[in-house]
PDB file of N, CA and C in Angstrom:
ATOM      1  N   MET A   1      25.177  18.942 -17.477  1.00  0.00           N
ATOM      2  CA  MET A   1      24.104  18.451 -16.625  1.00  0.00           C
ATOM      3  C   MET A   1      24.170  16.924 -16.535  1.00  0.00           C
ATOM      4  N   ASP A   2      23.885  16.427 -15.352  1.00  0.00           N
ATOM      5  CA  ASP A   2      23.934  14.985 -15.111  1.00  0.00           C
ATOM      6  C   ASP A   2      22.752  14.312 -15.795  1.00  0.00           C
ATOM      7  N   SER A   3      23.027  13.227 -16.488  1.00  0.00           N
ATOM      8  CA  SER A   3      21.954  12.512 -17.167  1.00  0.00           C
ATOM      9  C   SER A   3      21.953  11.059 -16.717  1.00  0.00           C
ATOM     10  N   GLY A   4      20.988  10.318 -17.202  1.00  0.00           N
ATOM     11  CA  GLY A   4      20.895   8.923 -16.833  1.00  0.00           C
ATOM     12  C   GLY A   4      20.044   8.722 -15.600  1.00  0.00           C
ATOM     13  N   LEU A   5      20.154   7.542 -15.054  1.00  0.00           N
ATOM     14  CA  LEU A   5      19.312   7.160 -13.913  1.00  0.00           C
ATOM     15  C   LEU A   5      19.587   8.008 -12.681  1.00  0.00           C
ATOM     16  N   LEU A   6      20.843   8.276 -12.397  1.00  0.00           N
ATOM     17  CA  LEU A   6      21.193   9.076 -11.217  1.00  0.00           C
ATOM     18  C   LEU A   6      20.615  10.477 -11.307  1.00  0.00           C
ATOM     19  N   GLY A   7      20.728  11.079 -12.464  1.00  0.00           N
ATOM     20  CA  GLY A   7      20.164  12.417 -12.659  1.00  0.00           C
ATOM     21  C   GLY A   7      18.661  12.419 -12.505  1.00  0.00           C
ATOM     22  N   PHE A   8      18.010  11.407 -13.055  1.00  0.00           N
ATOM     23  CA  PHE A   8      16.555  11.290 -12.919  1.00  0.00           C
ATOM     24  C   PHE A   8      16.160  11.186 -11.452  1.00  0.00           C
ATOM     25  N   LEU A   9      16.880  10.347 -10.706  1.00  0.00           N
ATOM     26  CA  LEU A   9      16.557  10.169  -9.285  1.00  0.00           C
ATOM     27  C   LEU A   9      16.782  11.451  -8.495  1.00  0.00           C
ATOM     28  N   GLU A  10      17.830  12.192  -8.821  1.00  0.00           N
ATOM     29  CA  GLU A  10      18.107  13.442  -8.106  1.00  0.00           C
ATOM     30  C   GLU A  10      17.047  14.497  -8.387  1.00  0.00           C
ATOM     31  N   ARG A  11      16.587  14.583  -9.625  1.00  0.00           N
ATOM     32  CA  ARG A  11      15.595  15.605  -9.990  1.00  0.00           C
ATOM     33  C   ARG A  11      14.193  15.260  -9.514  1.00  0.00           C
ATOM     34  N   ASN A  12      13.884  13.992  -9.382  1.00  0.00           N
ATOM     35  CA  ASN A  12      12.514  13.564  -9.076  1.00  0.00           C
ATOM     36  C   ASN A  12      12.409  12.810  -7.756  1.00  0.00           C
ATOM     37  N   ALA A  13      13.297  13.081  -6.842  1.00  0.00           N
ATOM     38  CA  ALA A  13      13.327  12.331  -5.584  1.00  0.00           C
ATOM     39  C   ALA A  13      12.014  12.441  -4.813  1.00  0.00           C
ATOM     40  N   ILE A  14      11.419  13.629  -4.746  1.00  0.00           N
ATOM     41  CA  ILE A  14      10.197  13.802  -3.964  1.00  0.00           C
ATOM     42  C   ILE A  14       9.055  12.984  -4.562  1.00  0.00           C
ATOM     43  N   TYR A  15       8.984  12.900  -5.888  1.00  0.00           N
ATOM     44  CA  TYR A  15       7.920  12.124  -6.518  1.00  0.00           C
ATOM     45  C   TYR A  15       8.114  10.630  -6.288  1.00  0.00           C
ATOM     46  N   ILE A  16       9.353  10.196  -6.274  1.00  0.00           N
ATOM     47  CA  ILE A  16       9.638   8.789  -6.011  1.00  0.00           C
ATOM     48  C   ILE A  16       9.242   8.433  -4.586  1.00  0.00           C
ATOM     49  N   VAL A  17       9.571   9.297  -3.637  1.00  0.00           N
ATOM     50  CA  VAL A  17       9.193   9.069  -2.235  1.00  0.00           C
ATOM     51  C   VAL A  17       7.677   9.050  -2.098  1.00  0.00           C
ATOM     52  N   LEU A  18       6.994  10.000  -2.735  1.00  0.00           N
ATOM     53  CA  LEU A  18       5.534  10.041  -2.659  1.00  0.00           C
ATOM     54  C   LEU A  18       4.912   8.788  -3.260  1.00  0.00           C
ATOM     55  N   PHE A  19       5.467   8.298  -4.356  1.00  0.00           N
ATOM     56  CA  PHE A  19       4.953   7.080  -4.974  1.00  0.00           C
ATOM     57  C   PHE A  19       5.125   5.886  -4.044  1.00  0.00           C
ATOM     58  N   ILE A  20       6.292   5.779  -3.405  1.00  0.00           N
ATOM     59  CA  ILE A  20       6.543   4.666  -2.480  1.00  0.00           C
ATOM     60  C   ILE A  20       5.587   4.725  -1.296  1.00  0.00           C
ATOM     61  N   VAL A  21       5.371   5.915  -0.749  1.00  0.00           N
ATOM     62  CA  VAL A  21       4.441   6.074   0.376  1.00  0.00           C
ATOM     63  C   VAL A  21       3.024   5.706  -0.061  1.00  0.00           C
ATOM     64  N   LEU A  22       2.635   6.115  -1.265  1.00  0.00           N
ATOM     65  CA  LEU A  22       1.309   5.775  -1.776  1.00  0.00           C
ATOM     66  C   LEU A  22       1.136   4.268  -1.901  1.00  0.00           C
ATOM     67  N   VAL A  23       2.151   3.580  -2.398  1.00  0.00           N
ATOM     68  CA  VAL A  23       2.081   2.124  -2.535  1.00  0.00           C
ATOM     69  C   VAL A  23       1.962   1.471  -1.162  1.00  0.00           C
ATOM     70  N   ILE A  24       2.697   1.972  -0.179  1.00  0.00           N
ATOM     71  CA  ILE A  24       2.623   1.419   1.180  1.00  0.00           C
ATOM     72  C   ILE A  24       1.222   1.605   1.762  1.00  0.00           C
ATOM     73  N   TRP A  25       0.649   2.821   1.622  1.00  0.00           N
ATOM     74  CA  TRP A  25      -0.698   3.074   2.135  1.00  0.00           C
ATOM     75  C   TRP A  25      -1.735   2.210   1.432  1.00  0.00           C
ATOM     76  N   LEU A  26      -1.567   2.019   0.126  1.00  0.00           N
ATOM     77  CA  LEU A  26      -2.485   1.166  -0.613  1.00  0.00           C
ATOM     78  C   LEU A  26      -2.400  -0.273  -0.103  1.00  0.00           C
ATOM     79  N   GLY A  27      -1.197  -0.750   0.171  1.00  0.00           N
ATOM     80  CA  GLY A  27      -1.022  -2.091   0.721  1.00  0.00           C
ATOM     81  C   GLY A  27      -1.673  -2.240   2.082  1.00  0.00           C
ATOM     82  N   ILE A  28      -1.514  -1.236   2.938  1.00  0.00           N
ATOM     83  CA  ILE A  28      -2.151  -1.271   4.261  1.00  0.00           C
ATOM     84  C   ILE A  28      -3.671  -1.302   4.117  1.00  0.00           C
ATOM     85  N   PHE A  29      -4.186  -0.461   3.219  1.00  0.00           N
ATOM     86  CA  PHE A  29      -5.638  -0.405   2.999  1.00  0.00           C
ATOM     87  C   PHE A  29      -6.181  -1.747   2.527  1.00  0.00           C
ATOM     88  N   LEU A  30      -5.506  -2.369   1.568  1.00  0.00           N
ATOM     89  CA  LEU A  30      -5.959  -3.668   1.063  1.00  0.00           C
ATOM     90  C   LEU A  30      -5.860  -4.744   2.135  1.00  0.00           C
ATOM     91  N   PHE A  31      -4.807  -4.693   2.947  1.00  0.00           N
ATOM     92  CA  PHE A  31      -4.665  -5.645   4.048  1.00  0.00           C
ATOM     93  C   PHE A  31      -5.820  -5.505   5.041  1.00  0.00           C
ATOM     94  N   MET A  32      -6.175  -4.253   5.360  1.00  0.00           N
ATOM     95  CA  MET A  32      -7.271  -4.020   6.304  1.00  0.00           C
ATOM     96  C   MET A  32      -8.611  -4.501   5.733  1.00  0.00           C
ATOM     97  N   LEU A  33      -8.845  -4.262   4.446  1.00  0.00           N
ATOM     98  CA  LEU A  33     -10.083  -4.748   3.831  1.00  0.00           C
ATOM     99  C   LEU A  33     -10.165  -6.267   3.879  1.00  0.00           C
ATOM    100  N   ASN A  34      -9.047  -6.916   3.575  1.00  0.00           N
ATOM    101  CA  ASN A  34      -9.008  -8.376   3.596  1.00  0.00           C
ATOM    102  C   ASN A  34      -9.245  -8.907   5.009  1.00  0.00           C
ATOM    103  N   THR A  35      -8.634  -8.284   5.988  1.00  0.00           N
ATOM    104  CA  THR A  35      -8.806  -8.700   7.384  1.00  0.00           C
ATOM    105  C   THR A  35     -10.249  -8.505   7.833  1.00  0.00           C
ATOM    106  N   ASP A  36     -10.853  -7.387   7.432  1.00  0.00           N
ATOM    107  CA  ASP A  36     -12.250  -7.125   7.785  1.00  0.00           C
ATOM    108  C   ASP A  36     -13.168  -8.181   7.182  1.00  0.00           C
ATOM    109  N   LYS A  37     -12.900  -8.552   5.940  1.00  0.00           N
ATOM    110  CA  LYS A  37     -13.706  -9.586   5.278  1.00  0.00           C
ATOM    111  C   LYS A  37     -13.596 -10.915   6.012  1.00  0.00           C
ATOM    112  N   ARG A  38     -12.382 -11.288   6.398  1.00  0.00           N
ATOM    113  CA  ARG A  38     -12.185 -12.546   7.129  1.00  0.00           C
ATOM    114  C   ARG A  38     -12.891 -12.511   8.484  1.00  0.00           C
ATOM    115  N   LEU A  39     -12.796 -11.383   9.180  1.00  0.00           N
ATOM    116  CA  LEU A  39     -13.443 -11.277  10.492  1.00  0.00           C
ATOM    117  C   LEU A  39     -14.957 -11.401  10.370  1.00  0.00           C
ATOM    118  N   LYS A  40     -15.533 -10.791   9.336  1.00  0.00           N
ATOM    119  CA  LYS A  40     -16.980 -10.898   9.147  1.00  0.00           C
ATOM    120  C   LYS A  40     -17.385 -12.347   8.897  1.00  0.00           C
ATOM    121  N   GLU A  41     -16.557 -13.092   8.131  1.00  0.00           N
ATOM    122  CA  GLU A  41     -16.858 -14.506   7.896  1.00  0.00           C
ATOM    123  C   GLU A  41     -16.782 -15.301   9.191  1.00  0.00           C
ATOM    124  N   ILE A  42     -15.789 -15.019  10.025  1.00  0.00           N
ATOM    125  CA  ILE A  42     -15.640 -15.728  11.305  1.00  0.00           C
ATOM    126  C   ILE A  42     -16.804 -15.395  12.231  1.00  0.00           C
ATOM    127  N   GLU A  43     -17.204 -14.114  12.271  1.00  0.00           N
ATOM    128  CA  GLU A  43     -18.338 -13.719  13.102  1.00  0.00           C
ATOM    129  C   GLU A  43     -19.618 -14.421  12.642  1.00  0.00           C
ATOM    130  N   LYS A  44     -19.807 -14.516  11.337  1.00  0.00           N
ATOM    131  CA  LYS A  44     -20.995 -15.192  10.811  1.00  0.00           C
ATOM    132  C   LYS A  44     -20.992 -16.669  11.214  1.00  0.00           C
ATOM    133  N   GLU A  45     -19.816 -17.310  11.138  1.00  0.00           N
ATOM    134  CA  GLU A  45     -19.691 -18.718  11.543  1.00  0.00           C
ATOM    135  C   GLU A  45     -20.025 -18.896  13.027  1.00  0.00           C
ATOM    136  N   LEU A  46     -19.532 -17.994  13.848  1.00  0.00           N
ATOM    137  CA  LEU A  46     -19.766 -18.112  15.286  1.00  0.00           C
ATOM    138  C   LEU A  46     -21.238 -17.876  15.630  1.00  0.00           C
ATOM    139  N   LYS A  47     -21.907 -16.999  14.929  1.00  0.00           N
ATOM    140  CA  LYS A  47     -23.324 -16.757  15.207  1.00  0.00           C
ATOM    141  C   LYS A  47     -24.176 -17.958  14.817  1.00  0.00           C
ATOM    142  N   GLU A  48     -23.747 -18.684  13.795  1.00  0.00           N
ATOM    143  CA  GLU A  48     -24.515 -19.846  13.348  1.00  0.00           C
ATOM    144  C   GLU A  48     -24.429 -21.006  14.338  1.00  0.00           C
ATOM    145  N   LYS A  49     -23.354 -21.077  15.090  1.00  0.00           N
ATOM    146  CA  LYS A  49     -23.165 -22.191  16.022  1.00  0.00           C
ATOM    147  C   LYS A  49     -23.907 -21.989  17.320  1.00  0.00           C
TER     148      LYS A  49
END
């Protein structure tokens, strides 16, 4: 049986892909939250003027 890093990657490929997709979605979510926060600050500034 194949051992080492290559064997691990072959046996667990679907979990590695799922983890990468999860990290990407988490990054998108955090980016959207940050953008929403900035937009609310800009809207508040514009209403004050």
